[in-house]
Amino acid sequence: MEAKVPKYYSLKRDLVKKIEMGDYQEDMPILSERELMETYQVSRITVRRAIDELVNEGYLYKIQGKGTYIKGDTSNQDLFSISSCTEDVLRLGKRPGRRVCRQKVWQQTVNGQMHCKLQKEIRYSAWGALLWQMRNL
């Protein structure tokens, strides 16, 4: 015996299938709520629930007063998982790295203080006997 599938879920599954098959293109509007109601013979509440879930899952986006559109990048980012910047860059197909733009080392004086002229707009970091100068790019 097959379990009965909710109507909103059937509508949602059909819309996802059409998106994945390419029937809808990126930033293309989907049918209006009324048109979906008439096409699938379901109530407005059913249509809204299916659309709201597809918005939450990243398939669609809404513009108030305009309609509901196909979201371009359907790859979902899990907002509850924690990943490093390097992992995010690799996931985008890029090569992570860093580059030293400028390096300067000051000598430590006899009493343990750095002998240098510090500027307000530059961040400095002390590490052992070295003082690192960092600029925001």
N, C-alpha and C. Protein backbone atom coordinates (compact mmCIF):
# COMPACT_ATOMS: atom_id res chain seq x y z
N MET A 1 0.84 -1.18 0.00
CA MET A 1 0.00 0.00 0.00
C MET A 1 0.89 1.25 0.00
N GLU A 2 0.66 2.15 -0.93
CA GLU A 2 1.47 3.35 -1.07
C GLU A 2 0.91 4.48 -0.20
N ALA A 3 1.81 5.18 0.50
CA ALA A 3 1.38 6.29 1.35
C ALA A 3 0.94 7.46 0.48
N LYS A 4 -0.06 8.18 0.95
CA LYS A 4 -0.56 9.33 0.21
C LYS A 4 0.41 10.49 0.35
N VAL A 5 0.78 11.09 -0.78
CA VAL A 5 1.72 12.21 -0.81
C VAL A 5 0.93 13.52 -0.73
N PRO A 6 1.35 14.46 0.16
CA PRO A 6 0.64 15.75 0.24
C PRO A 6 0.70 16.50 -1.10
N LYS A 7 -0.35 17.25 -1.38
CA LYS A 7 -0.45 17.97 -2.66
C LYS A 7 0.68 18.99 -2.83
N TYR A 8 1.03 19.70 -1.75
CA TYR A 8 2.09 20.71 -1.86
C TYR A 8 3.42 20.04 -2.24
N TYR A 9 3.63 18.82 -1.73
CA TYR A 9 4.88 18.10 -2.01
C TYR A 9 4.93 17.67 -3.47
N SER A 10 3.80 17.23 -4.01
CA SER A 10 3.73 16.86 -5.44
C SER A 10 4.02 18.07 -6.32
N LEU A 11 3.42 19.21 -5.97
CA LEU A 11 3.66 20.45 -6.72
C LEU A 11 5.12 20.85 -6.62
N LYS A 12 5.65 20.80 -5.43
CA LYS A 12 7.06 21.16 -5.21
C LYS A 12 7.97 20.25 -6.02
N ARG A 13 7.73 18.96 -5.98
CA ARG A 13 8.55 17.98 -6.70
C ARG A 13 8.47 18.24 -8.21
N ASP A 14 7.28 18.58 -8.71
CA ASP A 14 7.11 18.86 -10.14
C ASP A 14 7.87 20.11 -10.55
N LEU A 15 7.81 21.14 -9.72
CA LEU A 15 8.54 22.38 -10.03
C LEU A 15 10.05 22.14 -10.01
N VAL A 16 10.55 21.38 -9.05
CA VAL A 16 11.98 21.08 -8.98
C VAL A 16 12.40 20.31 -10.23
N LYS A 17 11.58 19.35 -10.65
CA LYS A 17 11.89 18.56 -11.85
C LYS A 17 12.00 19.48 -13.07
N LYS A 18 11.06 20.44 -13.20
CA LYS A 18 11.09 21.37 -14.33
C LYS A 18 12.32 22.27 -14.28
N ILE A 19 12.71 22.69 -13.08
CA ILE A 19 13.91 23.53 -12.93
C ILE A 19 15.14 22.74 -13.34
N GLU A 20 15.25 21.51 -12.85
CA GLU A 20 16.43 20.69 -13.13
C GLU A 20 16.48 20.23 -14.58
N MET A 21 15.33 20.08 -15.24
CA MET A 21 15.28 19.68 -16.66
C MET A 21 15.56 20.87 -17.58
N GLY A 22 15.55 22.08 -17.02
CA GLY A 22 15.83 23.25 -17.82
C GLY A 22 14.61 23.91 -18.44
N ASP A 23 13.42 23.49 -18.01
CA ASP A 23 12.21 24.13 -18.52
C ASP A 23 12.14 25.60 -18.10
N TYR A 24 12.69 25.89 -16.94
CA TYR A 24 12.78 27.26 -16.45
C TYR A 24 14.25 27.67 -16.47
N GLN A 25 14.51 28.87 -16.93
CA GLN A 25 15.87 29.40 -16.98
C GLN A 25 16.11 30.32 -15.78
N GLU A 26 17.38 30.60 -15.53
CA GLU A 26 17.78 31.48 -14.42
C GLU A 26 17.09 32.84 -14.54
N ASP A 27 16.57 33.32 -13.42
CA ASP A 27 15.88 34.61 -13.29
C ASP A 27 14.58 34.68 -14.10
N MET A 28 14.09 33.55 -14.52
CA MET A 28 12.82 33.49 -15.25
C MET A 28 11.68 33.37 -14.23
N PRO A 29 10.57 34.10 -14.44
CA PRO A 29 9.46 33.98 -13.49
C PRO A 29 8.74 32.65 -13.67
N ILE A 30 8.25 32.10 -12.56
CA ILE A 30 7.41 30.91 -12.65
C ILE A 30 5.97 31.39 -12.81
N LEU A 31 5.06 30.47 -12.98
CA LEU A 31 3.65 30.83 -13.08
C LEU A 31 3.20 31.54 -11.80
N SER A 32 2.20 32.38 -11.93
CA SER A 32 1.66 33.07 -10.75
C SER A 32 0.95 32.07 -9.85
N GLU A 33 0.66 32.49 -8.62
CA GLU A 33 -0.05 31.60 -7.69
C GLU A 33 -1.38 31.15 -8.30
N ARG A 34 -2.08 32.08 -8.90
CA ARG A 34 -3.39 31.76 -9.49
C ARG A 34 -3.23 30.75 -10.63
N GLU A 35 -2.23 30.95 -11.48
CA GLU A 35 -2.00 30.03 -12.59
C GLU A 35 -1.62 28.63 -12.09
N LEU A 36 -0.79 28.57 -11.04
CA LEU A 36 -0.43 27.28 -10.45
C LEU A 36 -1.65 26.60 -9.84
N MET A 37 -2.52 27.40 -9.20
CA MET A 37 -3.75 26.86 -8.61
C MET A 37 -4.62 26.21 -9.69
N GLU A 38 -4.77 26.90 -10.81
CA GLU A 38 -5.61 26.39 -11.89
C GLU A 38 -4.97 25.19 -12.59
N THR A 39 -3.66 25.26 -12.81
CA THR A 39 -2.96 24.18 -13.52
C THR A 39 -2.97 22.88 -12.72
N TYR A 40 -2.70 22.98 -11.41
CA TYR A 40 -2.57 21.78 -10.56
C TYR A 40 -3.84 21.47 -9.77
N GLN A 41 -4.87 22.31 -9.92
CA GLN A 41 -6.13 22.09 -9.21
C GLN A 41 -5.93 21.95 -7.70
N VAL A 42 -5.22 22.94 -7.12
CA VAL A 42 -4.95 22.96 -5.68
C VAL A 42 -5.31 24.33 -5.12
N SER A 43 -5.33 24.44 -3.81
CA SER A 43 -5.67 25.71 -3.15
C SER A 43 -4.47 26.65 -3.12
N ARG A 44 -4.75 27.90 -2.82
CA ARG A 44 -3.69 28.91 -2.70
C ARG A 44 -2.72 28.55 -1.58
N ILE A 45 -3.21 28.02 -0.48
CA ILE A 45 -2.35 27.63 0.65
C ILE A 45 -1.36 26.55 0.22
N THR A 46 -1.83 25.61 -0.58
CA THR A 46 -0.96 24.54 -1.09
C THR A 46 0.14 25.12 -1.97
N VAL A 47 -0.23 26.02 -2.86
CA VAL A 47 0.75 26.67 -3.75
C VAL A 47 1.76 27.46 -2.94
N ARG A 48 1.28 28.23 -1.97
CA ARG A 48 2.19 29.05 -1.15
C ARG A 48 3.17 28.19 -0.36
N ARG A 49 2.69 27.08 0.18
CA ARG A 49 3.58 26.22 0.96
C ARG A 49 4.69 25.63 0.07
N ALA A 50 4.31 25.18 -1.12
CA ALA A 50 5.30 24.62 -2.05
C ALA A 50 6.33 25.68 -2.44
N ILE A 51 5.86 26.89 -2.75
CA ILE A 51 6.76 27.97 -3.15
C ILE A 51 7.65 28.38 -1.99
N ASP A 52 7.08 28.52 -0.79
CA ASP A 52 7.88 28.91 0.38
C ASP A 52 9.00 27.90 0.65
N GLU A 53 8.69 26.62 0.52
CA GLU A 53 9.72 25.60 0.75
C GLU A 53 10.81 25.67 -0.33
N LEU A 54 10.42 25.93 -1.57
CA LEU A 54 11.42 26.05 -2.64
C LEU A 54 12.28 27.30 -2.47
N VAL A 55 11.70 28.35 -1.91
CA VAL A 55 12.48 29.55 -1.60
C VAL A 55 13.48 29.22 -0.50
N ASN A 56 13.04 28.54 0.54
CA ASN A 56 13.92 28.16 1.65
C ASN A 56 15.02 27.22 1.21
N GLU A 57 14.75 26.38 0.23
CA GLU A 57 15.73 25.42 -0.26
C GLU A 57 16.66 26.02 -1.32
N GLY A 58 16.39 27.26 -1.73
CA GLY A 58 17.29 27.94 -2.65
C GLY A 58 16.99 27.76 -4.12
N TYR A 59 15.84 27.24 -4.48
CA TYR A 59 15.48 27.08 -5.88
C TYR A 59 14.84 28.34 -6.45
N LEU A 60 14.12 29.06 -5.62
CA LEU A 60 13.37 30.25 -6.06
C LEU A 60 13.69 31.45 -5.19
N TYR A 61 13.36 32.63 -5.70
CA TYR A 61 13.39 33.84 -4.88
C TYR A 61 12.18 34.70 -5.25
N LYS A 62 11.72 35.49 -4.29
CA LYS A 62 10.53 36.31 -4.50
C LYS A 62 10.90 37.78 -4.54
N ILE A 63 10.18 38.52 -5.36
CA ILE A 63 10.26 39.98 -5.36
C ILE A 63 8.84 40.46 -5.11
N GLN A 64 8.67 41.17 -3.99
CA GLN A 64 7.32 41.58 -3.59
C GLN A 64 6.69 42.45 -4.67
N GLY A 65 5.47 42.09 -5.04
CA GLY A 65 4.73 42.83 -6.05
C GLY A 65 5.10 42.46 -7.48
N LYS A 66 6.13 41.64 -7.66
CA LYS A 66 6.57 41.26 -9.01
C LYS A 66 6.32 39.79 -9.30
N GLY A 67 6.68 38.91 -8.36
CA GLY A 67 6.49 37.49 -8.59
C GLY A 67 7.60 36.65 -7.99
N THR A 68 7.61 35.40 -8.41
CA THR A 68 8.59 34.43 -7.93
C THR A 68 9.44 34.01 -9.11
N TYR A 69 10.76 33.96 -8.90
CA TYR A 69 11.70 33.72 -9.98
C TYR A 69 12.63 32.55 -9.66
N ILE A 70 13.20 31.98 -10.71
CA ILE A 70 14.17 30.88 -10.58
C ILE A 70 15.49 31.48 -10.14
N LYS A 71 16.03 30.91 -9.08
CA LYS A 71 17.32 31.37 -8.57
C LYS A 71 18.42 30.79 -9.45
N GLY A 72 19.41 31.63 -9.77
CA GLY A 72 20.46 31.22 -10.69
C GLY A 72 21.36 30.13 -10.16
N ASP A 73 21.91 30.30 -8.99
CA ASP A 73 22.82 29.32 -8.43
C ASP A 73 22.04 28.45 -7.47
N THR A 74 21.73 27.22 -7.90
CA THR A 74 20.90 26.36 -7.07
C THR A 74 21.71 25.53 -6.10
N SER A 75 23.04 25.74 -6.06
CA SER A 75 23.83 25.01 -5.06
C SER A 75 23.59 25.66 -3.71
N ASN A 76 23.18 24.88 -2.76
CA ASN A 76 22.84 25.40 -1.44
C ASN A 76 24.05 25.45 -0.55
N GLN A 77 24.14 26.48 0.26
CA GLN A 77 25.19 26.58 1.25
C GLN A 77 24.54 26.34 2.60
N ASP A 78 25.07 25.36 3.31
CA ASP A 78 24.53 25.03 4.62
C ASP A 78 25.00 26.09 5.62
N LEU A 79 24.07 26.90 6.10
CA LEU A 79 24.42 27.98 7.00
C LEU A 79 24.75 27.50 8.40
N PHE A 80 24.48 26.23 8.69
CA PHE A 80 24.73 25.71 10.02
C PHE A 80 26.05 24.95 10.11
N SER A 81 26.72 24.75 9.00
CA SER A 81 28.02 24.08 9.04
C SER A 81 29.12 25.12 9.10
N ILE A 82 30.22 24.75 9.69
CA ILE A 82 31.34 25.67 9.82
C ILE A 82 32.45 25.17 8.91
N SER A 83 32.96 26.05 8.07
CA SER A 83 34.06 25.70 7.19
C SER A 83 35.07 26.83 7.19
N SER A 84 36.29 26.49 6.86
CA SER A 84 37.35 27.50 6.85
C SER A 84 37.28 28.30 5.55
N CYS A 85 37.96 29.40 5.53
CA CYS A 85 38.04 30.23 4.34
C CYS A 85 38.68 29.44 3.20
N THR A 86 39.71 28.65 3.53
CA THR A 86 40.39 27.83 2.52
C THR A 86 39.42 26.84 1.90
N GLU A 87 38.59 26.17 2.71
CA GLU A 87 37.60 25.23 2.19
C GLU A 87 36.60 25.93 1.28
N ASP A 88 36.15 27.12 1.66
CA ASP A 88 35.21 27.87 0.84
C ASP A 88 35.83 28.25 -0.50
N VAL A 89 37.08 28.67 -0.49
CA VAL A 89 37.77 29.05 -1.73
C VAL A 89 37.94 27.83 -2.63
N LEU A 90 38.33 26.69 -2.06
CA LEU A 90 38.48 25.45 -2.84
C LEU A 90 37.15 25.00 -3.43
N ARG A 91 36.07 25.14 -2.66
CA ARG A 91 34.75 24.75 -3.13
C ARG A 91 34.33 25.58 -4.34
N LEU A 92 34.82 26.82 -4.41
CA LEU A 92 34.51 27.68 -5.55
C LEU A 92 35.42 27.41 -6.75
N GLY A 93 36.34 26.45 -6.59
CA GLY A 93 37.23 26.09 -7.69
C GLY A 93 38.42 27.03 -7.84
N LYS A 94 38.70 27.78 -6.82
CA LYS A 94 39.83 28.71 -6.85
C LYS A 94 41.00 28.14 -6.07
N ARG A 95 42.15 28.78 -6.19
CA ARG A 95 43.35 28.35 -5.48
C ARG A 95 43.62 29.31 -4.32
N PRO A 96 43.54 28.81 -3.08
CA PRO A 96 43.79 29.70 -1.95
C PRO A 96 45.28 30.02 -1.84
N GLY A 97 45.57 31.16 -1.28
CA GLY A 97 46.96 31.55 -1.10
C GLY A 97 47.06 32.86 -0.35
N ARG A 98 48.28 33.27 -0.15
CA ARG A 98 48.51 34.57 0.47
C ARG A 98 49.77 35.15 -0.13
N ARG A 99 49.91 36.44 0.04
CA ARG A 99 51.02 37.14 -0.58
C ARG A 99 51.48 38.24 0.37
N VAL A 100 52.79 38.32 0.55
CA VAL A 100 53.37 39.39 1.37
C VAL A 100 53.57 40.58 0.44
N CYS A 101 52.89 41.66 0.73
CA CYS A 101 53.00 42.84 -0.11
C CYS A 101 54.17 43.72 0.30
N ARG A 102 54.43 43.74 1.59
CA ARG A 102 55.51 44.57 2.10
C ARG A 102 55.97 44.00 3.43
N GLN A 103 57.26 43.93 3.60
CA GLN A 103 57.78 43.39 4.85
C GLN A 103 58.90 44.29 5.33
N LYS A 104 58.88 44.57 6.61
CA LYS A 104 59.89 45.43 7.20
C LYS A 104 60.17 44.92 8.61
N VAL A 105 61.42 44.83 8.98
CA VAL A 105 61.80 44.34 10.30
C VAL A 105 62.59 45.43 11.00
N TRP A 106 62.21 45.72 12.26
CA TRP A 106 62.92 46.69 13.06
C TRP A 106 63.74 45.97 14.12
N GLN A 107 64.85 46.54 14.44
CA GLN A 107 65.73 45.97 15.46
C GLN A 107 65.24 46.38 16.85
N GLN A 108 65.44 45.49 17.78
CA GLN A 108 65.05 45.75 19.16
C GLN A 108 66.18 46.53 19.84
N THR A 109 65.80 47.54 20.62
CA THR A 109 66.80 48.34 21.33
C THR A 109 67.22 47.63 22.61
N VAL A 110 68.17 48.20 23.31
CA VAL A 110 68.73 47.60 24.51
C VAL A 110 67.67 47.36 25.58
N ASN A 111 66.76 48.29 25.76
CA ASN A 111 65.74 48.14 26.80
C ASN A 111 64.51 47.33 26.35
N GLY A 112 64.57 46.67 25.20
CA GLY A 112 63.51 45.78 24.76
C GLY A 112 62.41 46.43 23.96
N GLN A 113 62.53 47.72 23.62
CA GLN A 113 61.50 48.40 22.86
C GLN A 113 61.89 48.45 21.38
N MET A 114 60.90 48.50 20.54
CA MET A 114 61.14 48.61 19.10
C MET A 114 61.50 50.06 18.77
N HIS A 115 62.48 50.22 17.92
CA HIS A 115 62.87 51.55 17.49
C HIS A 115 62.30 51.78 16.09
N CYS A 116 61.11 52.32 16.05
CA CYS A 116 60.48 52.59 14.76
C CYS A 116 59.43 53.68 14.93
N LYS A 117 59.07 54.27 13.81
CA LYS A 117 58.05 55.30 13.79
C LYS A 117 56.74 54.63 13.33
N LEU A 118 55.74 54.56 14.20
CA LEU A 118 54.49 53.87 13.87
C LEU A 118 53.49 54.85 13.26
N GLN A 119 52.76 54.39 12.25
CA GLN A 119 51.74 55.21 11.60
C GLN A 119 50.36 54.69 12.05
N LYS A 120 49.41 55.59 12.20
CA LYS A 120 48.10 55.23 12.72
C LYS A 120 47.31 54.32 11.78
N GLU A 121 47.41 54.51 10.46
CA GLU A 121 46.57 53.74 9.55
C GLU A 121 47.09 52.34 9.25
N ILE A 122 48.21 51.96 9.85
CA ILE A 122 48.79 50.63 9.62
C ILE A 122 48.70 49.82 10.90
N ARG A 123 48.30 48.55 10.77
CA ARG A 123 48.26 47.66 11.93
C ARG A 123 49.63 47.04 12.12
N TYR A 124 50.00 46.86 13.37
CA TYR A 124 51.28 46.24 13.70
C TYR A 124 51.03 45.06 14.62
N SER A 125 51.85 44.09 14.53
CA SER A 125 51.73 42.91 15.39
C SER A 125 53.11 42.52 15.89
N ALA A 126 53.25 42.41 17.17
CA ALA A 126 54.54 42.03 17.74
C ALA A 126 54.59 40.52 17.94
N TRP A 127 55.69 39.91 17.53
CA TRP A 127 55.88 38.47 17.69
C TRP A 127 57.33 38.25 18.06
N GLY A 128 57.56 37.95 19.30
CA GLY A 128 58.94 37.79 19.77
C GLY A 128 59.67 39.12 19.65
N ALA A 129 60.83 39.09 19.02
CA ALA A 129 61.63 40.31 18.87
C ALA A 129 61.31 41.01 17.56
N LEU A 130 60.32 40.53 16.82
CA LEU A 130 59.98 41.13 15.54
C LEU A 130 58.67 41.90 15.62
N LEU A 131 58.57 42.91 14.85
CA LEU A 131 57.33 43.67 14.74
C LEU A 131 56.87 43.56 13.29
N TRP A 132 55.68 43.01 13.07
CA TRP A 132 55.18 42.83 11.73
C TRP A 132 54.27 44.00 11.38
N GLN A 133 54.44 44.51 10.19
CA GLN A 133 53.61 45.62 9.70
C GLN A 133 52.63 45.04 8.70
N MET A 134 51.32 45.31 8.92
CA MET A 134 50.29 44.79 8.02
C MET A 134 49.44 45.93 7.49
N ARG A 135 49.17 45.89 6.22
CA ARG A 135 48.31 46.89 5.59
C ARG A 135 47.04 46.19 5.08
N ASN A 136 45.91 46.85 5.21
CA ASN A 136 44.68 46.33 4.60
C ASN A 136 44.71 46.67 3.14
N LEU A 137 44.40 45.67 2.30
CA LEU A 137 44.40 45.90 0.84
C LEU A 137 43.03 46.30 0.38
